[in-house]
Amino acid sequence: MRIPLPRPRSLAGQLFAMQAVLIAVVVAGYALFTYAGDRSQAEEAAGRQATAVARSVADSPSVREAVRTSDPSARLQPYALAVVRDTDVDFVTIMDTRGIRWTHPNPAEIGLVFQGHTAPALQGRTFTETYTGTLGPSVRAVTPIRDGDRIVGLVSAGIRVEEISQRARGQLTALLSVAAGALGLGAIGTYVINARLRRHTHGMNAAELSHMHDYHQAALHAVREGLLMLDGQYRVALINDGGRELLGVGQEEDVVGRSVAELGLPAPLTGALLASEPRVDEVHLTADRVLVVNTSPVTGGQRRGSVVTLRDVTELQSLMGELDSERGFTQALRSQAHEAANRLHTVVSLIELGRAEEAVDFATAELELAQALTDQVVAAVSEPVLAALLLGKTAQANERGVELVVSDDSRLDDGLLPDSLPARDLVTILGNLVDNAVDAAQGGVRPRVTVTALTEDPCELVLRVSDTGPGVDPDHTEAVFRRGFTTKPSGPGGRGLGLALVQQAVARHGGHLSVASADGGGAVFEARLPLRQAAVAEVPGGAG
């Protein structure tokens, strides 16, 4: 049978035991120290009291007169007993210079020699000592009786040590009562504080807390997602390596304790982090990333802060953009296949009707039209990815009743673009600009979208898209590139992300994106991207 081992005490329990022992030791030490001090003070006080009584008796005129009589004891014994009774001392002994007692609490001791030292008093000095006499140990004072310049007798007054101890014990009892009360209050306070600590530590002991901290640190730095913890004042309480990378915060930069507003993040992202209500799967853009942000408040009767998780979906968003382009190509091919089928049926019907010559003319005209469109695009833009994109967008726009043309001054040869400018970003930039232009021009009179792609200076790539739509309000020329801004009805997937992604991609490559009004109405969006000089120099005539 396995015997269960006792679980180690919780951290709060260990602290409580340690504090209780500490308080008990402090109180006991203080009590002993005070008792020893009080005992010493009580002995000093007893010595002073005995000295005062002895001097008072020695200075009494009746005592000096009794000393001169033939039987001093007859007058001095009642006097000494009265003094003992009235002054709270244990004995007053009056004696001659030889130490023969004239008075004593015990009459049988009268006439016997005083037990104690008398030499200093015979020399005229008053002194105190602790001596064991007939009444036991006592603190006594001895002083001379003077008759003029002569010493005619001695007076000793004393208090028994047992009496002094009783006084000290009375003080000690009061002290111990106070100490017990202090110990009780300390124990109650310690228990209350440790009960609160126990709630905060969930009853875990020190080893468990240490292991939890180690696991916490390992998990914190192992996850790739960003984790950010904010306190009740929206200051950074904790941030992991992933969070630093996604927010663009350097590993050496100390951001713990700083407000979110001081991190230099985009305004929409800062607003989401400062919001009091939770945020679920919100998409936000930084300078070079697309982030999904989730926030959850930490509550415990009152707001204590929030936990923020950050996921990088930049690559996913780019892949979705490519997927949208591929879907556009597929739709364009489906549309073209449908149109080709209609034309093929027309040709077959003409042949069946015996009009072979007209069928040849019809087929030749359609082939020349399609070839002319392909030749126009490829002649202007021989870069394969952009050429395929424009061909697909042309067919897609045509299906929606919008004419998409490539301007005559377009010139972009194959192999001109450097490796630092991937085709994925070009698809994002040009594809979104064309989609927005087609949406703006659709429904208007003679809708038209014009695309220009060329190099200038010759180290700059220019992508320009104009449309015949309603244009952009001059007041919105800056806001149009922010995420969430749109003048279109919101769809199921949300709006206002396309131009923001374009702005992000352009900024990532050090370019510039602008919008202006077209000459014949509508809007002109222009993206300018720097090219490496070496890459342009390899292709003569690269400038259009």
Protein backbone atom coordinates (compact mmCIF):
# COMPACT_ATOMS: atom_id res chain seq x y z
CA MET A 1 0.00 0.00 0.00
CA ARG A 2 1.41 3.33 -1.03
CA ILE A 3 1.51 5.88 1.74
CA PRO A 4 0.69 9.38 0.42
CA LEU A 5 3.37 11.89 1.26
CA PRO A 6 2.21 15.14 2.84
CA ARG A 7 2.01 18.01 0.40
CA PRO A 8 4.46 20.84 1.09
CA ARG A 9 2.93 23.81 2.83
CA SER A 10 1.78 26.62 0.62
CA LEU A 11 3.88 29.75 0.34
CA ALA A 12 1.30 31.66 2.36
CA GLY A 13 1.37 28.99 5.09
CA GLN A 14 5.15 29.04 5.26
CA LEU A 15 5.16 32.81 5.51
CA PHE A 16 2.51 32.69 8.23
CA ALA A 17 4.51 30.20 10.30
CA MET A 18 7.72 32.14 9.83
CA GLN A 19 6.07 35.45 10.77
CA ALA A 20 4.33 33.93 13.80
CA VAL A 21 7.65 32.51 15.09
CA LEU A 22 9.39 35.79 14.38
CA ILE A 23 6.78 37.79 16.30
CA ALA A 24 6.89 35.34 19.21
CA VAL A 25 10.72 35.52 19.40
CA VAL A 26 10.67 39.32 19.22
CA VAL A 27 7.98 39.64 21.89
CA ALA A 28 9.67 37.07 24.20
CA GLY A 29 13.05 38.73 23.79
CA TYR A 30 11.58 42.13 24.48
CA ALA A 31 9.76 40.76 27.57
CA LEU A 32 12.95 39.23 28.98
CA PHE A 33 14.96 42.34 28.28
CA THR A 34 12.31 44.51 29.88
CA TYR A 35 12.07 42.20 32.90
CA ALA A 36 15.82 42.34 33.43
CA GLY A 37 15.75 46.11 33.07
CA ASP A 38 12.79 46.45 35.43
CA ARG A 39 14.55 44.22 37.99
CA SER A 40 17.64 46.38 37.86
CA GLN A 41 15.53 49.53 38.08
CA ALA A 42 13.58 48.07 41.01
CA GLU A 43 16.82 47.35 42.90
CA GLU A 44 18.07 50.87 42.22
CA ALA A 45 14.74 52.31 43.38
CA ALA A 46 14.85 50.15 46.52
CA GLY A 47 18.38 51.40 47.25
CA ARG A 48 17.29 55.03 46.88
CA GLN A 49 14.24 54.43 49.09
CA ALA A 50 16.33 52.72 51.79
CA THR A 51 18.90 55.54 51.68
CA ALA A 52 16.21 58.19 52.10
CA VAL A 53 14.64 56.39 55.05
CA ALA A 54 18.01 55.77 56.75
CA ARG A 55 19.08 59.43 56.45
CA SER A 56 15.73 60.64 57.68
CA VAL A 57 16.03 58.46 60.80
CA ALA A 58 19.68 59.46 61.36
CA ASP A 59 18.79 63.15 61.12
CA SER A 60 15.88 62.88 63.55
CA PRO A 61 16.56 64.89 66.82
CA SER A 62 14.61 62.32 68.85
CA VAL A 63 17.00 59.60 67.68
CA ARG A 64 20.05 61.63 68.78
CA GLU A 65 18.43 62.27 72.16
CA ALA A 66 17.60 58.56 72.61
CA VAL A 67 21.20 57.63 71.78
CA ARG A 68 22.41 59.72 74.76
CA THR A 69 20.16 57.81 77.25
CA SER A 70 21.21 54.78 79.20
CA ASP A 71 18.62 52.56 77.45
CA PRO A 72 18.28 53.68 73.81
CA SER A 73 16.27 50.61 72.78
CA ALA A 74 13.33 51.61 74.96
CA ARG A 75 12.70 54.71 72.92
CA LEU A 76 14.13 53.70 69.54
CA GLN A 77 12.43 50.29 69.05
CA PRO A 78 8.84 51.68 68.88
CA TYR A 79 10.08 54.51 66.66
CA ALA A 80 11.81 52.11 64.26
CA LEU A 81 8.74 49.89 63.99
CA ALA A 82 6.59 52.94 63.22
CA VAL A 83 9.02 54.02 60.48
CA VAL A 84 8.94 50.51 58.94
CA ARG A 85 5.19 50.58 58.95
CA ASP A 86 4.92 54.05 57.42
CA THR A 87 7.73 53.96 54.80
CA ASP A 88 7.20 50.56 53.15
CA VAL A 89 10.65 49.23 54.07
CA ASP A 90 11.25 45.82 55.64
CA PHE A 91 13.50 46.86 58.49
CA VAL A 92 15.13 49.83 60.22
CA THR A 93 18.04 48.90 62.45
CA ILE A 94 19.61 51.47 64.73
CA MET A 95 22.92 50.49 66.34
CA ASP A 96 25.90 51.86 68.15
CA THR A 97 29.29 52.35 66.57
CA ARG A 98 30.27 48.78 67.48
CA GLY A 99 27.30 47.37 65.52
CA ILE A 100 25.26 46.38 68.58
CA ARG A 101 21.61 46.61 67.62
CA TRP A 102 19.26 48.92 69.51
CA THR A 103 16.29 48.08 67.24
CA HIS A 104 15.19 45.17 65.04
CA PRO A 105 11.89 43.84 63.63
CA ASN A 106 12.57 40.74 65.67
CA PRO A 107 13.06 41.85 69.33
CA ALA A 108 15.17 38.74 70.00
CA GLU A 109 17.89 40.19 67.74
CA ILE A 110 18.22 43.36 69.83
CA GLY A 111 21.57 43.50 71.52
CA LEU A 112 23.25 41.29 68.96
CA VAL A 113 25.82 42.40 66.37
CA PHE A 114 24.53 43.84 63.08
CA GLN A 115 25.13 41.52 60.10
CA GLY A 116 26.59 43.59 57.33
CA HIS A 117 29.31 46.11 56.57
CA THR A 118 29.61 49.29 58.60
CA ALA A 119 33.12 50.53 57.91
CA PRO A 120 32.19 53.17 55.26
CA ALA A 121 29.48 54.54 57.54
CA LEU A 122 31.93 54.82 60.47
CA GLN A 123 34.07 56.92 58.17
CA GLY A 124 31.10 59.26 57.69
CA ARG A 125 29.76 58.02 54.31
CA THR A 126 26.33 56.68 53.39
CA PHE A 127 26.42 53.57 51.22
CA THR A 128 24.14 50.79 49.89
CA GLU A 129 24.73 47.10 49.48
CA THR A 130 22.94 43.79 48.92
CA TYR A 131 23.57 41.53 51.87
CA THR A 132 22.02 38.41 53.39
CA GLY A 133 21.07 39.11 56.99
CA THR A 134 18.65 37.73 59.53
CA LEU A 135 15.69 38.51 57.26
CA GLY A 136 17.34 37.05 54.18
CA PRO A 137 18.91 38.83 51.18
CA SER A 138 18.11 42.54 51.15
CA VAL A 139 19.10 45.81 49.58
CA ARG A 140 20.14 48.05 52.48
CA ALA A 141 21.55 51.48 53.12
CA VAL A 142 23.81 52.32 56.09
CA THR A 143 24.37 55.92 57.25
CA PRO A 144 26.00 57.48 60.36
CA ILE A 145 24.20 59.29 63.23
CA ARG A 146 26.08 62.50 64.04
CA ASP A 147 26.04 64.46 67.25
CA GLY A 148 27.95 67.51 66.22
CA ASP A 149 31.20 66.29 64.75
CA ARG A 150 31.05 62.90 66.46
CA ILE A 151 29.51 59.69 65.04
CA VAL A 152 27.44 58.30 67.88
CA GLY A 153 25.57 55.54 66.07
CA LEU A 154 24.52 53.98 62.76
CA VAL A 155 21.16 53.50 60.97
CA SER A 156 20.46 50.74 58.43
CA ALA A 157 17.21 50.59 56.41
CA GLY A 158 16.54 47.83 53.91
CA ILE A 159 14.11 46.10 51.59
CA ARG A 160 14.21 42.37 51.11
CA VAL A 161 15.19 41.09 47.64
CA GLU A 162 12.10 38.89 47.66
CA GLU A 163 9.95 41.99 47.92
CA ILE A 164 11.83 43.57 45.04
CA SER A 165 11.29 40.40 42.97
CA GLN A 166 7.58 40.50 43.71
CA ARG A 167 7.41 44.07 42.43
CA ALA A 168 9.30 43.09 39.28
CA ARG A 169 7.07 40.06 38.79
CA GLY A 170 4.01 42.27 38.98
CA GLN A 171 5.47 44.46 36.25
CA LEU A 172 6.41 41.36 34.30
CA THR A 173 2.86 40.06 34.49
CA ALA A 174 1.54 43.32 33.07
CA LEU A 175 4.26 43.23 30.41
CA LEU A 176 3.46 39.66 29.45
CA SER A 177 -0.22 40.55 29.15
CA VAL A 178 0.64 43.39 26.78
CA ALA A 179 3.08 41.13 24.91
CA ALA A 180 0.43 38.41 24.57
CA GLY A 181 -2.00 40.98 23.21
CA ALA A 182 0.64 42.20 20.73
CA LEU A 183 1.39 38.63 19.72
CA GLY A 184 -2.31 37.94 19.23
CA LEU A 185 -2.82 41.07 17.14
CA GLY A 186 0.31 40.27 15.12
CA ALA A 187 -0.88 36.73 14.52
CA ILE A 188 -4.32 37.94 13.41
CA GLY A 189 -2.78 40.55 11.10
CA THR A 190 -0.35 37.99 9.71
CA TYR A 191 -3.17 35.52 9.13
CA VAL A 192 -5.27 38.11 7.30
CA ILE A 193 -2.35 39.17 5.11
CA ASN A 194 -1.39 35.58 4.36
CA ALA A 195 -5.00 34.63 3.62
CA ARG A 196 -4.97 37.32 0.97
CA LEU A 197 -1.60 36.10 -0.29
CA ARG A 198 -2.98 32.56 -0.37
CA ARG A 199 -5.83 33.74 -2.60
CA HIS A 200 -3.39 35.48 -4.93
CA THR A 201 -1.05 32.47 -5.12
CA HIS A 202 -3.94 29.98 -5.30
CA GLY A 203 -2.49 28.06 -2.36
CA MET A 204 0.69 27.09 -4.24
CA ASN A 205 3.98 26.57 -2.46
CA ALA A 206 7.27 28.18 -3.41
CA ALA A 207 8.43 25.27 -5.60
CA GLU A 208 5.17 25.27 -7.54
CA LEU A 209 5.40 29.04 -8.06
CA SER A 210 8.99 28.66 -9.25
CA HIS A 211 8.03 25.93 -11.71
CA MET A 212 5.09 27.97 -12.94
CA HIS A 213 7.38 30.94 -13.55
CA ASP A 214 9.80 28.74 -15.52
CA TYR A 215 6.95 27.29 -17.61
CA HIS A 216 5.54 30.77 -18.10
CA GLN A 217 8.84 32.14 -19.38
CA ALA A 218 9.41 29.13 -21.66
CA ALA A 219 5.90 29.33 -23.13
CA LEU A 220 6.10 33.10 -23.46
CA HIS A 221 9.19 33.03 -25.61
CA ALA A 222 8.30 29.84 -27.51
CA VAL A 223 5.05 30.95 -29.14
CA ARG A 224 5.37 32.70 -32.46
CA GLU A 225 2.22 34.76 -31.99
CA GLY A 226 2.59 38.12 -30.31
CA LEU A 227 1.44 38.40 -26.70
CA LEU A 228 0.97 41.75 -25.01
CA MET A 229 -0.32 42.36 -21.47
CA LEU A 230 -1.51 45.82 -20.44
CA ASP A 231 -2.26 47.01 -16.93
CA GLY A 232 -5.26 49.06 -15.83
CA GLN A 233 -3.59 52.28 -17.06
CA TYR A 234 -2.88 50.74 -20.50
CA ARG A 235 0.83 50.48 -19.81
CA VAL A 236 2.83 47.54 -21.11
CA ALA A 237 3.17 45.00 -18.32
CA LEU A 238 4.58 42.18 -20.44
CA ILE A 239 5.52 41.58 -24.07
CA ASN A 240 7.07 38.49 -25.67
CA ASP A 241 9.55 38.22 -28.51
CA GLY A 242 6.80 37.66 -31.09
CA GLY A 243 4.98 40.79 -29.94
CA ARG A 244 8.15 42.86 -30.23
CA GLU A 245 8.74 41.60 -33.77
CA LEU A 246 5.16 42.13 -34.96
CA LEU A 247 4.91 45.63 -33.48
CA GLY A 248 8.36 46.63 -34.69
CA VAL A 249 9.77 47.10 -31.19
CA GLY A 250 13.47 46.34 -30.82
CA GLN A 251 14.66 43.64 -28.44
CA GLU A 252 16.91 46.15 -26.68
CA GLU A 253 14.17 48.76 -26.29
CA ASP A 254 12.64 48.81 -22.82
CA VAL A 255 8.89 49.18 -23.35
CA VAL A 256 7.65 47.61 -20.12
CA GLY A 257 5.97 50.31 -18.06
CA ARG A 258 5.38 52.59 -21.04
CA SER A 259 1.93 53.57 -22.28
CA VAL A 260 0.63 52.01 -25.51
CA ALA A 261 0.23 55.53 -26.90
CA GLU A 262 4.02 56.01 -26.65
CA LEU A 263 4.96 53.01 -28.83
CA GLY A 264 4.52 54.87 -32.13
CA LEU A 265 1.98 52.41 -33.56
CA PRO A 266 -0.56 53.34 -36.27
CA ALA A 267 -3.54 55.26 -34.88
CA PRO A 268 -6.17 52.53 -35.63
CA LEU A 269 -4.03 49.86 -33.94
CA THR A 270 -3.37 52.12 -30.93
CA GLY A 271 -7.12 52.78 -30.67
CA ALA A 272 -7.85 49.06 -30.68
CA LEU A 273 -5.33 48.44 -27.89
CA LEU A 274 -6.73 51.30 -25.82
CA ALA A 275 -10.37 50.25 -26.28
CA SER A 276 -12.18 49.08 -23.17
CA GLU A 277 -14.39 46.60 -25.01
CA PRO A 278 -12.97 43.32 -26.37
CA ARG A 279 -11.80 43.10 -29.98
CA VAL A 280 -12.17 39.85 -31.93
CA ASP A 281 -10.14 39.06 -35.08
CA GLU A 282 -9.73 42.70 -36.11
CA VAL A 283 -7.40 43.27 -39.05
CA HIS A 284 -4.88 46.10 -38.63
CA LEU A 285 -1.96 47.26 -40.71
CA THR A 286 1.46 48.37 -39.55
CA ALA A 287 4.22 49.69 -41.77
CA ASP A 288 4.97 46.27 -43.29
CA ARG A 289 2.55 43.76 -41.75
CA VAL A 290 -1.09 42.79 -41.66
CA LEU A 291 -2.05 41.81 -38.10
CA VAL A 292 -5.10 40.12 -36.63
CA VAL A 293 -5.71 41.58 -33.18
CA ASN A 294 -7.71 40.06 -30.31
CA THR A 295 -8.10 41.76 -26.93
CA SER A 296 -9.63 40.39 -23.76
CA PRO A 297 -10.00 42.31 -20.48
CA VAL A 298 -8.64 40.90 -17.24
CA THR A 299 -11.25 41.50 -14.55
CA GLY A 300 -11.48 40.70 -10.87
CA GLY A 301 -14.17 42.97 -9.51
CA GLN A 302 -12.58 45.86 -11.36
CA ARG A 303 -10.64 46.33 -14.58
CA ARG A 304 -7.08 45.17 -14.08
CA GLY A 305 -5.84 45.39 -17.66
CA SER A 306 -6.12 43.38 -20.84
CA VAL A 307 -4.44 40.58 -22.76
CA VAL A 308 -3.68 41.20 -26.43
CA THR A 309 -2.79 38.52 -28.96
CA LEU A 310 -1.31 39.38 -32.35
CA ARG A 311 -1.17 37.13 -35.40
CA ASP A 312 0.77 37.93 -38.55
CA VAL A 313 -1.40 37.34 -41.64
CA THR A 314 0.72 39.35 -44.06
CA GLU A 315 1.64 36.29 -46.12
CA LEU A 316 -1.89 34.93 -45.86
CA GLN A 317 -3.31 38.26 -47.06
CA SER A 318 -0.90 38.27 -49.99
CA LEU A 319 -1.88 34.71 -50.88
CA MET A 320 -5.54 35.72 -50.67
CA GLY A 321 -4.78 38.58 -53.04
CA GLU A 322 -3.17 36.16 -55.46
CA LEU A 323 -6.11 33.82 -55.04
CA ASP A 324 -8.51 36.66 -55.86
CA SER A 325 -6.44 37.40 -58.97
CA GLU A 326 -6.52 33.73 -59.96
CA ARG A 327 -10.27 33.71 -59.46
CA GLY A 328 -10.46 36.76 -61.65
CA PHE A 329 -8.44 34.97 -64.30
CA THR A 330 -10.71 31.94 -63.99
CA GLN A 331 -13.83 34.06 -64.35
CA ALA A 332 -12.28 35.83 -67.32
CA LEU A 333 -11.41 32.51 -68.95
CA ARG A 334 -14.93 31.22 -68.25
CA SER A 335 -16.37 34.35 -69.82
CA GLN A 336 -14.06 34.05 -72.79
CA ALA A 337 -14.89 30.38 -73.17
CA HIS A 338 -18.58 31.28 -73.15
CA GLU A 339 -18.03 33.96 -75.78
CA ALA A 340 -15.81 31.61 -77.82
CA ALA A 341 -18.52 28.97 -77.74
CA ASN A 342 -21.06 31.51 -79.02
CA ARG A 343 -18.73 32.56 -81.83
CA LEU A 344 -18.00 28.93 -82.68
CA HIS A 345 -21.72 28.19 -82.89
CA THR A 346 -22.07 31.19 -85.18
CA VAL A 347 -19.30 29.95 -87.45
CA VAL A 348 -20.79 26.42 -87.56
CA SER A 349 -24.23 27.81 -88.32
CA LEU A 350 -22.90 29.94 -91.18
CA ILE A 351 -21.16 26.91 -92.65
CA GLU A 352 -24.32 24.82 -92.36
CA LEU A 353 -26.19 27.57 -94.19
CA GLY A 354 -23.67 27.39 -97.02
CA ARG A 355 -22.10 30.71 -96.19
CA ALA A 356 -18.56 29.47 -95.77
CA GLU A 357 -16.97 32.68 -96.98
CA GLU A 358 -18.85 34.77 -94.41
CA ALA A 359 -17.96 32.25 -91.71
CA VAL A 360 -14.25 32.64 -92.56
CA ASP A 361 -14.53 36.44 -92.48
CA PHE A 362 -16.30 36.35 -89.08
CA ALA A 363 -13.77 33.98 -87.51
CA THR A 364 -10.82 35.94 -88.92
CA ALA A 365 -12.17 39.23 -87.52
CA GLU A 366 -12.68 37.75 -84.04
CA LEU A 367 -9.19 36.22 -84.06
CA GLU A 368 -7.60 39.48 -85.14
CA LEU A 369 -9.46 41.37 -82.38
CA ALA A 370 -8.28 38.97 -79.65
CA GLN A 371 -4.75 38.90 -81.02
CA ALA A 372 -4.67 42.68 -81.22
CA LEU A 373 -5.64 42.94 -77.57
CA THR A 374 -2.95 40.45 -76.57
CA ASP A 375 -0.35 42.13 -78.77
CA GLN A 376 -1.22 45.54 -77.34
CA VAL A 377 -0.78 44.40 -73.74
CA VAL A 378 2.35 42.33 -74.35
CA ALA A 379 3.96 45.04 -76.48
CA ALA A 380 3.46 47.59 -73.71
CA VAL A 381 4.11 45.34 -70.72
CA SER A 382 6.25 42.34 -71.50
CA GLU A 383 6.81 41.51 -67.82
CA PRO A 384 4.89 38.17 -67.76
CA VAL A 385 3.12 38.47 -64.41
CA LEU A 386 1.83 41.97 -65.04
CA ALA A 387 0.92 41.12 -68.63
CA ALA A 388 -1.12 38.09 -67.50
CA LEU A 389 -2.74 40.23 -64.78
CA LEU A 390 -3.74 42.93 -67.26
CA LEU A 391 -5.09 40.41 -69.77
CA GLY A 392 -7.23 38.80 -67.09
CA LYS A 393 -8.41 42.15 -65.73
CA THR A 394 -9.23 43.31 -69.26
CA ALA A 395 -11.54 40.36 -69.86
CA GLN A 396 -13.02 40.70 -66.37
CA ALA A 397 -13.68 44.41 -66.87
CA ASN A 398 -15.17 43.79 -70.29
CA GLU A 399 -17.58 41.31 -68.74
CA ARG A 400 -18.72 44.03 -66.34
CA GLY A 401 -19.18 46.52 -69.16
CA VAL A 402 -15.98 48.50 -68.50
CA GLU A 403 -13.28 49.10 -71.12
CA LEU A 404 -9.78 48.54 -69.81
CA VAL A 405 -6.94 49.79 -71.99
CA VAL A 406 -3.17 50.05 -71.64
CA SER A 407 -1.93 53.54 -72.51
CA ASP A 408 0.34 54.08 -75.51
CA ASP A 409 3.19 55.42 -73.37
CA SER A 410 3.41 52.23 -71.31
CA ARG A 411 6.73 50.44 -71.56
CA LEU A 412 7.89 47.73 -69.13
CA ASP A 413 10.26 45.11 -70.50
CA ASP A 414 10.74 41.61 -69.13
CA GLY A 415 13.67 41.20 -66.73
CA LEU A 416 13.65 44.84 -65.74
CA LEU A 417 12.29 44.36 -62.21
CA PRO A 418 14.86 43.53 -59.49
CA ASP A 419 14.57 40.59 -57.11
CA SER A 420 13.82 43.02 -54.28
CA LEU A 421 10.49 43.82 -55.96
CA PRO A 422 8.63 40.49 -56.10
CA ALA A 423 5.77 39.85 -58.51
CA ARG A 424 3.44 39.18 -55.56
CA ASP A 425 3.68 42.81 -54.43
CA LEU A 426 3.14 44.07 -57.98
CA VAL A 427 -0.02 41.95 -58.23
CA THR A 428 -1.19 43.41 -54.92
CA ILE A 429 -0.53 46.99 -56.02
CA LEU A 430 -1.77 46.92 -59.60
CA GLY A 431 -4.54 44.37 -59.06
CA ASN A 432 -6.16 46.38 -56.24
CA LEU A 433 -5.82 49.66 -58.12
CA VAL A 434 -7.48 48.18 -61.22
CA ASP A 435 -10.27 46.54 -59.17
CA ASN A 436 -11.05 49.83 -57.44
CA ALA A 437 -10.97 51.70 -60.76
CA VAL A 438 -13.35 49.19 -62.41
CA ASP A 439 -15.72 49.45 -59.44
CA ALA A 440 -15.63 53.27 -59.68
CA ALA A 441 -16.15 53.40 -63.46
CA GLN A 442 -18.87 50.74 -63.66
CA GLY A 443 -22.31 52.15 -64.28
CA GLY A 444 -21.11 55.43 -65.77
CA VAL A 445 -21.33 56.76 -69.30
CA ARG A 446 -18.74 55.06 -71.49
CA PRO A 447 -16.88 53.55 -68.50
CA ARG A 448 -13.19 53.30 -69.08
CA VAL A 449 -10.06 52.38 -67.09
CA THR A 450 -6.61 53.31 -68.36
CA VAL A 451 -3.47 51.59 -67.07
CA THR A 452 0.03 52.98 -67.51
CA ALA A 453 3.16 51.01 -66.57
CA LEU A 454 6.58 52.47 -67.33
CA THR A 455 9.98 53.33 -65.90
CA GLU A 456 11.28 56.85 -65.43
CA ASP A 457 14.57 58.56 -64.52
CA PRO A 458 15.40 55.49 -65.24
CA CYS A 459 15.41 54.11 -61.70
CA GLU A 460 11.73 54.42 -60.85
CA LEU A 461 8.76 52.22 -61.73
CA VAL A 462 5.49 54.09 -62.29
CA LEU A 463 2.12 52.31 -62.16
CA ARG A 464 -0.75 54.68 -62.97
CA VAL A 465 -4.45 53.75 -63.09
CA SER A 466 -7.16 56.26 -64.04
CA ASP A 467 -10.91 55.80 -64.36
CA THR A 468 -14.00 57.69 -65.55
CA GLY A 469 -15.83 57.32 -62.23
CA PRO A 470 -17.00 60.07 -59.85
CA GLY A 471 -13.47 60.71 -58.55
CA VAL A 472 -12.21 61.20 -55.01
CA ASP A 473 -13.24 64.08 -52.76
CA PRO A 474 -10.18 66.32 -52.20
CA ASP A 475 -10.87 66.16 -48.45
CA HIS A 476 -10.40 62.39 -48.55
CA THR A 477 -7.09 62.16 -50.44
CA GLU A 478 -5.27 61.06 -47.27
CA ALA A 479 -8.05 59.06 -45.61
CA VAL A 480 -8.68 56.95 -48.71
CA PHE A 481 -5.50 54.94 -48.01
CA ARG A 482 -6.44 54.12 -44.41
CA ARG A 483 -7.87 50.74 -43.54
CA GLY A 484 -11.66 50.81 -43.22
CA PHE A 485 -12.25 53.90 -45.37
CA THR A 486 -14.61 53.25 -48.29
CA THR A 487 -17.41 54.92 -50.19
CA LYS A 488 -18.90 51.56 -51.29
CA PRO A 489 -21.52 49.46 -49.56
CA SER A 490 -19.98 47.07 -47.07
CA GLY A 491 -19.81 43.47 -48.24
CA PRO A 492 -19.73 40.31 -46.20
CA GLY A 493 -15.97 40.38 -46.02
CA GLY A 494 -15.74 44.06 -45.17
CA ARG A 495 -14.40 46.98 -47.21
CA GLY A 496 -11.56 49.46 -47.09
CA LEU A 497 -8.62 47.01 -47.07
CA GLY A 498 -7.48 47.05 -50.74
CA LEU A 499 -5.99 50.55 -50.91
CA ALA A 500 -4.53 50.13 -47.41
CA LEU A 501 -2.69 47.01 -48.62
CA VAL A 502 -1.50 48.94 -51.67
CA GLN A 503 -0.20 51.72 -49.44
CA GLN A 504 1.54 49.16 -47.24
CA ALA A 505 3.19 47.38 -50.17
CA VAL A 506 4.35 50.67 -51.71
CA ALA A 507 5.73 51.92 -48.41
CA ARG A 508 7.50 48.59 -47.81
CA HIS A 509 9.59 49.20 -50.94
CA GLY A 510 10.24 52.88 -50.18
CA GLY A 511 7.79 54.14 -52.80
CA HIS A 512 5.03 56.75 -52.87
CA LEU A 513 1.30 56.43 -53.54
CA SER A 514 -0.88 59.37 -54.49
CA VAL A 515 -4.34 60.16 -55.86
CA ALA A 516 -5.48 63.07 -58.00
CA SER A 517 -8.40 64.06 -60.23
CA ALA A 518 -8.31 62.95 -63.86
CA ASP A 519 -8.62 65.49 -66.67
CA GLY A 520 -11.94 64.15 -67.97
CA GLY A 521 -13.30 63.37 -64.50
CA GLY A 522 -12.65 60.40 -62.27
CA ALA A 523 -9.54 59.64 -60.27
CA VAL A 524 -5.91 58.87 -61.03
CA PHE A 525 -3.96 56.64 -58.64
CA GLU A 526 -0.19 56.62 -59.10
CA ALA A 527 2.34 54.36 -57.40
CA ARG A 528 6.04 55.15 -57.75
CA LEU A 529 8.54 52.44 -56.72
CA PRO A 530 12.34 52.90 -56.75
CA LEU A 531 14.39 50.43 -58.80
CA ARG A 532 18.02 49.47 -58.40
CA GLN A 533 20.18 51.35 -60.90
CA ALA A 534 22.07 48.20 -61.84
CA ALA A 535 18.88 46.37 -62.74
CA VAL A 536 17.73 49.14 -65.08
CA ALA A 537 21.12 49.50 -66.73
CA GLU A 538 21.07 45.87 -67.82
CA VAL A 539 18.14 46.53 -70.18
CA PRO A 540 18.89 49.27 -72.71
CA GLY A 541 15.94 51.45 -73.53
CA GLY A 542 14.21 50.58 -70.29
CA ALA A 543 12.79 54.08 -69.96
CA GLY A 544 9.54 54.67 -71.80
